Protein backbone atom coordinates (compact mmCIF):
# COMPACT_ATOMS: atom_id res chain seq x y z
CA UNK A 1 0.20 0.08 -0.33
CA UNK A 2 1.20 3.47 -1.00
CA UNK A 3 1.56 6.21 2.06
CA UNK A 4 0.61 9.25 -1.16
CA UNK A 5 -0.61 9.57 -4.67
CA UNK A 6 2.66 10.98 -5.45
CA UNK A 7 1.84 13.74 -8.31
CA UNK A 8 4.82 12.37 -11.06
CA UNK A 9 7.16 15.10 -12.60
CA UNK A 10 6.78 14.81 -16.57
CA UNK A 11 9.02 17.19 -18.80
CA UNK A 12 8.28 16.54 -22.41
CA UNK A 13 8.47 19.06 -25.07
CA UNK A 14 5.64 21.81 -23.71
CA UNK A 15 7.93 22.74 -21.29
CA UNK A 16 10.82 25.38 -22.93
CA UNK A 17 14.35 25.10 -22.42
CA UNK A 18 17.16 26.96 -21.86
CA UNK A 19 20.03 26.43 -23.86
CA UNK A 20 23.56 28.16 -22.73
CA UNK A 21 26.59 27.78 -24.74
CA UNK A 22 29.28 26.67 -21.81
CA UNK A 23 29.47 24.86 -18.46
CA UNK A 24 30.19 27.96 -17.19
CA UNK A 25 26.78 30.00 -18.34
CA UNK A 26 24.84 27.11 -15.91
CA UNK A 27 24.62 29.25 -12.73
CA UNK A 28 24.16 32.39 -13.85
CA UNK A 29 20.63 30.95 -15.57
CA UNK A 30 19.18 29.39 -12.01
CA UNK A 31 16.66 31.28 -10.30
CA UNK A 32 15.73 29.80 -7.48
CA UNK A 33 17.52 28.59 -4.56
CA UNK A 34 16.46 24.82 -4.89
CA UNK A 35 18.79 24.89 -7.62
CA UNK A 36 21.00 27.78 -6.61
CA UNK A 37 22.54 25.01 -3.12
CA UNK A 38 22.29 21.69 -5.95
CA UNK A 39 24.95 23.98 -7.41
CA UNK A 40 27.49 25.54 -5.35
CA UNK A 41 27.87 21.52 -2.85
CA UNK A 42 27.23 19.41 -6.41
CA UNK A 43 29.24 20.96 -9.29
CA UNK A 44 31.39 23.85 -7.06
CA UNK A 45 31.81 21.53 -3.44
CA UNK A 46 30.29 23.87 -1.53
CA UNK A 47 30.50 22.39 2.10
CA UNK A 48 25.98 21.57 2.96
CA UNK A 49 24.92 23.40 5.20
CA UNK A 50 23.49 21.96 8.28
CA UNK A 51 19.14 21.85 8.16
CA UNK A 52 19.00 19.08 11.02
CA UNK A 53 20.85 20.54 13.47
CA UNK A 54 23.33 18.16 14.49
CA UNK A 55 25.03 21.06 16.86
CA UNK A 56 21.87 21.56 19.42
CA UNK A 57 23.41 19.46 21.85
CA UNK A 58 27.46 20.03 22.83
CA UNK A 59 26.85 16.73 24.61
CA UNK A 60 26.56 13.73 20.90
CA UNK A 61 25.51 11.49 24.02
CA UNK A 62 22.06 13.17 24.28
CA UNK A 63 21.42 12.04 20.67
CA UNK A 64 21.78 8.88 21.33
CA UNK A 65 19.41 8.93 24.33
CA UNK A 66 16.71 10.45 22.25
CA UNK A 67 16.88 7.31 20.09
CA UNK A 68 17.23 4.74 23.30
CA UNK A 69 14.05 6.79 24.39
CA UNK A 70 12.08 6.15 20.81
CA UNK A 71 13.69 2.60 20.66
CA UNK A 72 16.37 1.14 22.16
CA UNK A 73 16.94 -1.64 19.16
CA UNK A 74 17.62 1.20 17.58
CA UNK A 75 21.13 2.03 18.52
CA UNK A 76 22.20 -1.41 17.62
CA UNK A 77 20.17 -2.27 14.63
CA UNK A 78 21.22 0.58 11.85
CA UNK A 79 24.67 2.48 10.53
CA UNK A 80 23.80 6.79 11.92
CA UNK A 81 25.47 8.51 9.90
CA UNK A 82 23.85 12.12 11.03
CA UNK A 83 21.80 12.88 14.40
CA UNK A 84 19.66 16.19 15.00
CA UNK A 85 17.58 18.18 16.88
CA UNK A 86 15.62 22.07 16.19
CA UNK A 87 13.75 23.82 17.54
CA UNK A 88 10.06 24.06 15.49
CA UNK A 89 8.72 28.02 15.85
CA UNK A 90 5.78 28.21 17.01
CA UNK A 91 5.56 25.12 19.57
CA UNK A 92 7.04 25.97 22.74
CA UNK A 93 9.58 23.83 24.35
CA UNK A 94 8.69 22.22 21.42
CA UNK A 95 12.30 20.42 18.90
CA UNK A 96 11.83 18.26 15.61
CA UNK A 97 14.73 15.10 15.88
CA UNK A 98 15.98 13.54 13.09
CA UNK A 99 18.16 10.84 12.57
CA UNK A 100 19.90 9.26 8.91
CA UNK A 101 21.29 6.06 8.52
CA UNK A 102 22.55 4.39 5.09
CA UNK A 103 22.28 0.68 4.61
CA UNK A 104 25.33 -1.02 3.60
CA UNK A 105 23.57 -4.43 2.91
CA UNK A 106 21.60 -3.05 0.27
CA UNK A 107 24.14 0.22 -1.20
CA UNK A 108 22.15 2.92 0.35
CA UNK A 109 22.36 6.40 1.25
CA UNK A 110 19.53 6.60 3.54
CA UNK A 111 18.40 3.03 5.32
CA UNK A 112 16.31 4.09 8.69
CA UNK A 113 15.20 7.57 8.75
CA UNK A 114 13.39 9.09 12.57
CA UNK A 115 11.02 12.36 12.74
CA UNK A 116 9.93 13.02 16.19
CA UNK A 117 7.95 15.91 18.25
CA UNK A 118 10.05 16.33 22.01
CA UNK A 119 9.70 18.36 24.71
CA UNK A 120 12.69 20.18 26.36
CA UNK A 121 11.89 21.65 29.67
CA UNK A 122 13.95 24.31 32.00
CA UNK A 123 15.71 20.68 33.57
CA UNK A 124 17.13 19.40 30.09
CA UNK A 125 14.79 15.96 30.31
CA UNK A 126 13.34 14.82 27.27
CA UNK A 127 10.47 13.50 26.35
CA UNK A 128 7.86 11.67 23.75
CA UNK A 129 5.29 14.62 22.80
CA UNK A 130 3.81 11.61 19.97
CA UNK A 131 4.90 7.74 18.61
CA UNK A 132 8.22 8.99 16.50
CA UNK A 133 7.41 7.82 12.25
CA UNK A 134 10.07 5.52 11.55
CA UNK A 135 11.18 5.57 8.01
CA UNK A 136 12.81 2.33 6.04
CA UNK A 137 13.91 3.60 3.16
CA UNK A 138 14.72 0.42 1.22
CA UNK A 139 10.09 -0.08 1.09
CA UNK A 140 8.83 2.51 -1.99
CA UNK A 141 5.16 1.13 -0.44
CA UNK A 142 5.59 1.95 2.26
CA UNK A 143 8.35 5.14 2.86
CA UNK A 144 7.38 8.96 3.12
CA UNK A 145 9.70 10.02 0.39
CA UNK A 146 8.54 8.31 -2.68
CA UNK A 147 9.66 10.84 -5.33
CA UNK A 148 10.64 9.79 -9.47
CA UNK A 149 13.50 10.93 -10.40
CA UNK A 150 14.32 13.02 -13.49
CA UNK A 151 14.24 8.61 -15.46
CA UNK A 152 10.73 8.19 -14.20
CA UNK A 153 11.48 5.78 -11.71
CA UNK A 154 10.22 5.84 -7.86
CA UNK A 155 13.35 6.06 -5.34
CA UNK A 156 13.04 6.79 -1.96
CA UNK A 157 14.53 10.37 -0.79
CA UNK A 158 17.48 11.51 0.71
CA UNK A 159 15.87 14.31 3.44
CA UNK A 160 17.68 17.69 3.35
CA UNK A 161 15.86 19.78 4.81
CA UNK A 162 13.02 21.09 6.73
CA UNK A 163 11.17 23.22 6.35
CA UNK A 164 9.14 25.20 8.60
CA UNK A 165 6.39 27.86 7.24
CA UNK A 166 3.14 28.00 9.01
CA UNK A 167 1.47 25.09 7.66
CA UNK A 168 -1.21 25.84 10.33
CA UNK A 169 -4.24 22.59 9.20
CA UNK A 170 -6.84 23.81 11.87
CA UNK A 171 -6.60 25.64 14.94
CA UNK A 172 -4.93 22.49 16.50
CA UNK A 173 -2.41 20.67 14.25
CA UNK A 174 0.35 23.07 12.84
CA UNK A 175 2.62 20.55 10.39
CA UNK A 176 6.31 20.83 9.30
CA UNK A 177 7.47 20.32 5.83
CA UNK A 178 10.67 17.45 5.11
CA UNK A 179 12.00 17.95 2.03
CA UNK A 180 13.91 15.70 0.22
CA UNK A 181 15.69 15.23 -3.53
CA UNK A 182 16.80 12.89 -5.64
CA UNK A 183 19.34 13.47 -8.61
CA UNK A 184 20.85 11.88 -11.81
CA UNK A 185 24.28 12.14 -13.23
CA UNK A 186 24.72 12.06 -16.86
CA UNK A 187 27.32 12.29 -19.45
CA UNK A 188 27.79 16.00 -19.73
CA UNK A 189 24.58 17.10 -17.30
CA UNK A 190 22.06 16.21 -14.53
CA UNK A 191 19.17 16.28 -12.71
CA UNK A 192 17.38 16.80 -9.62
CA UNK A 193 13.88 16.68 -8.77
CA UNK A 194 12.77 17.90 -4.73
CA UNK A 195 9.81 17.20 -2.77
CA UNK A 196 8.23 17.70 0.00
CA UNK A 197 5.89 15.81 2.81
CA UNK A 198 3.49 17.13 5.54
CA UNK A 199 4.47 15.81 8.18
CA UNK A 200 2.04 16.28 11.44
CA UNK A 201 0.67 14.57 14.50
CA UNK A 202 -2.72 13.13 13.99
CA UNK A 203 -4.60 11.16 17.26
CA UNK A 204 -1.19 10.81 19.36
CA UNK A 205 1.24 9.74 15.83
CA UNK A 206 3.67 11.42 14.06
CA UNK A 207 2.59 10.80 10.47
CA UNK A 208 3.48 11.74 6.83
CA UNK A 209 0.10 13.58 5.21
CA UNK A 210 1.14 14.82 1.67
CA UNK A 211 3.90 13.74 -0.38
CA UNK A 212 4.21 16.70 -3.51
CA UNK A 213 7.35 17.98 -6.20
CA UNK A 214 8.53 21.54 -5.60
CA UNK A 215 11.65 21.53 -7.84
CA UNK A 216 13.20 19.94 -10.61
CA UNK A 217 16.26 21.12 -12.80
CA UNK A 218 17.52 19.31 -15.35
CA UNK A 219 20.60 19.97 -17.77
CA UNK A 220 21.24 17.37 -20.67
CA UNK A 221 24.57 18.18 -23.04
CA UNK A 222 24.12 18.59 -26.55
CA UNK A 223 26.56 19.39 -29.37
CA UNK A 224 29.83 20.58 -28.98
CA UNK A 225 31.54 23.56 -30.11
CA UNK A 226 35.22 23.87 -31.43
CA UNK A 227 37.01 25.96 -28.02
CA UNK A 228 36.22 22.92 -26.00
CA UNK A 229 33.06 24.29 -24.80
CA UNK A 230 29.08 22.32 -25.50
CA UNK A 231 25.75 23.31 -24.95
CA UNK A 232 23.23 22.69 -22.37
CA UNK A 233 20.18 23.20 -22.50
CA UNK A 234 18.64 23.15 -18.49
CA UNK A 235 15.32 23.18 -17.59
CA UNK A 236 13.16 24.72 -14.26
CA UNK A 237 10.97 23.99 -12.41
CA UNK A 238 9.25 25.39 -9.22
CA UNK A 239 5.95 24.44 -7.56
CA UNK A 240 4.74 25.41 -3.60
CA UNK A 241 1.61 24.95 -1.25
CA UNK A 242 -0.43 26.79 -0.08
CA UNK A 243 -3.37 26.55 2.93
CA UNK A 244 -6.22 27.35 1.69
CA UNK A 245 -9.20 29.15 3.25
CA UNK A 246 -11.57 26.29 2.75
CA UNK A 247 -11.92 23.55 5.51
CA UNK A 248 -13.12 19.52 4.95
CA UNK A 249 -13.26 17.21 8.48
CA UNK A 250 -11.58 20.07 10.54
CA UNK A 251 -8.38 20.67 8.22
CA UNK A 252 -7.63 22.92 5.63
CA UNK A 253 -7.57 22.33 1.95
CA UNK A 254 -4.46 22.66 0.46
CA UNK A 255 -3.09 23.88 -3.33
CA UNK A 256 -0.42 22.28 -5.10
CA UNK A 257 0.59 24.35 -8.46
CA UNK A 258 3.35 25.33 -10.76
CA UNK A 259 5.62 29.47 -9.93
CA UNK A 260 5.39 30.91 -13.44
CA UNK A 261 4.16 34.35 -13.60
CA UNK A 262 4.22 33.86 -17.35
CA UNK A 263 1.69 31.45 -17.05
CA UNK A 264 -1.57 29.96 -16.07
CA UNK A 265 -1.04 26.80 -14.29
CA UNK A 266 -3.36 23.87 -13.15
CA UNK A 267 -3.62 24.05 -9.89
CA UNK A 268 -4.51 20.37 -7.67
CA UNK A 269 -6.67 20.59 -4.83
CA UNK A 270 -6.05 18.22 -1.39
CA UNK A 271 -9.14 17.55 1.05
CA UNK A 272 -8.25 15.99 3.61
CA UNK A 273 -9.82 11.98 3.90
CA UNK A 274 -10.21 11.34 8.37
CA UNK A 275 -10.37 7.19 7.59
CA UNK A 276 -7.20 7.40 6.02
CA UNK A 277 -5.19 9.77 8.23
CA UNK A 278 -4.11 11.56 4.77
CA UNK A 279 -3.82 14.30 2.17
CA UNK A 280 -5.29 12.98 -1.50
CA UNK A 281 -5.42 14.64 -4.13
CA UNK A 282 -8.70 16.33 -6.11
CA UNK A 283 -9.58 16.96 -9.47
CA UNK A 284 -7.27 19.78 -11.28
CA UNK A 285 -9.29 23.21 -11.95
CA UNK A 286 -7.46 26.36 -13.07
CA UNK A 287 -6.94 29.33 -11.75
């Protein structure tokens, strides 16, 4: 059973490409921050920013204490590549704990990923606010981070940062996002797809309730020039989620659409499903 009805991002002739005449010209034509970050880190070699709070605790043993609180078996079963804590804005004394492991057996960058909502009181006592979400990166049927890469393959996305935009879904429920991506390398080019999974505490459990694409960037190498440079066709698409004023079953409706000032794009409406405890895609309509 898949947790989400993922919107597949299809690059076709309908989308117009920007052609540049050398690799060095590409950065100045990247419009959006996700693409700029990708270029700086993957092509220039810039140090990745920390979006998960890996240095929140001076004593690194505190991260292991949280993991032990979630499930003692996790400490001995997994090869954890990082753990971190970030304050959850607009939620006093509330924090998001993240732990990501590698899966050496299956040669995957991401194995298990743990997200937990925790409380840290004035005496630094730590407690769980809700049942955590433990994601198995091996299982694309169950993962909260399903994403379609540039080769139209469904893969498990790599969590890259927390998104604390004010996703206020009801008077009592505030969601946070986890951005995740998948990259494909080509000879002379490459592509990155990014998506966001919204998480919220529902009936005492931290659950993934929506997963939609948020960004696509592709760089396809073309013809060579006599001076050794090469044409590159670049594509870039940005998508956003808006919280609407209308509600279904007590939860705000959501709209997903592409950001492009030159064209009108289809908005996809998502409405809350109380039975499945997630947002369900509705019929699309023009803005």
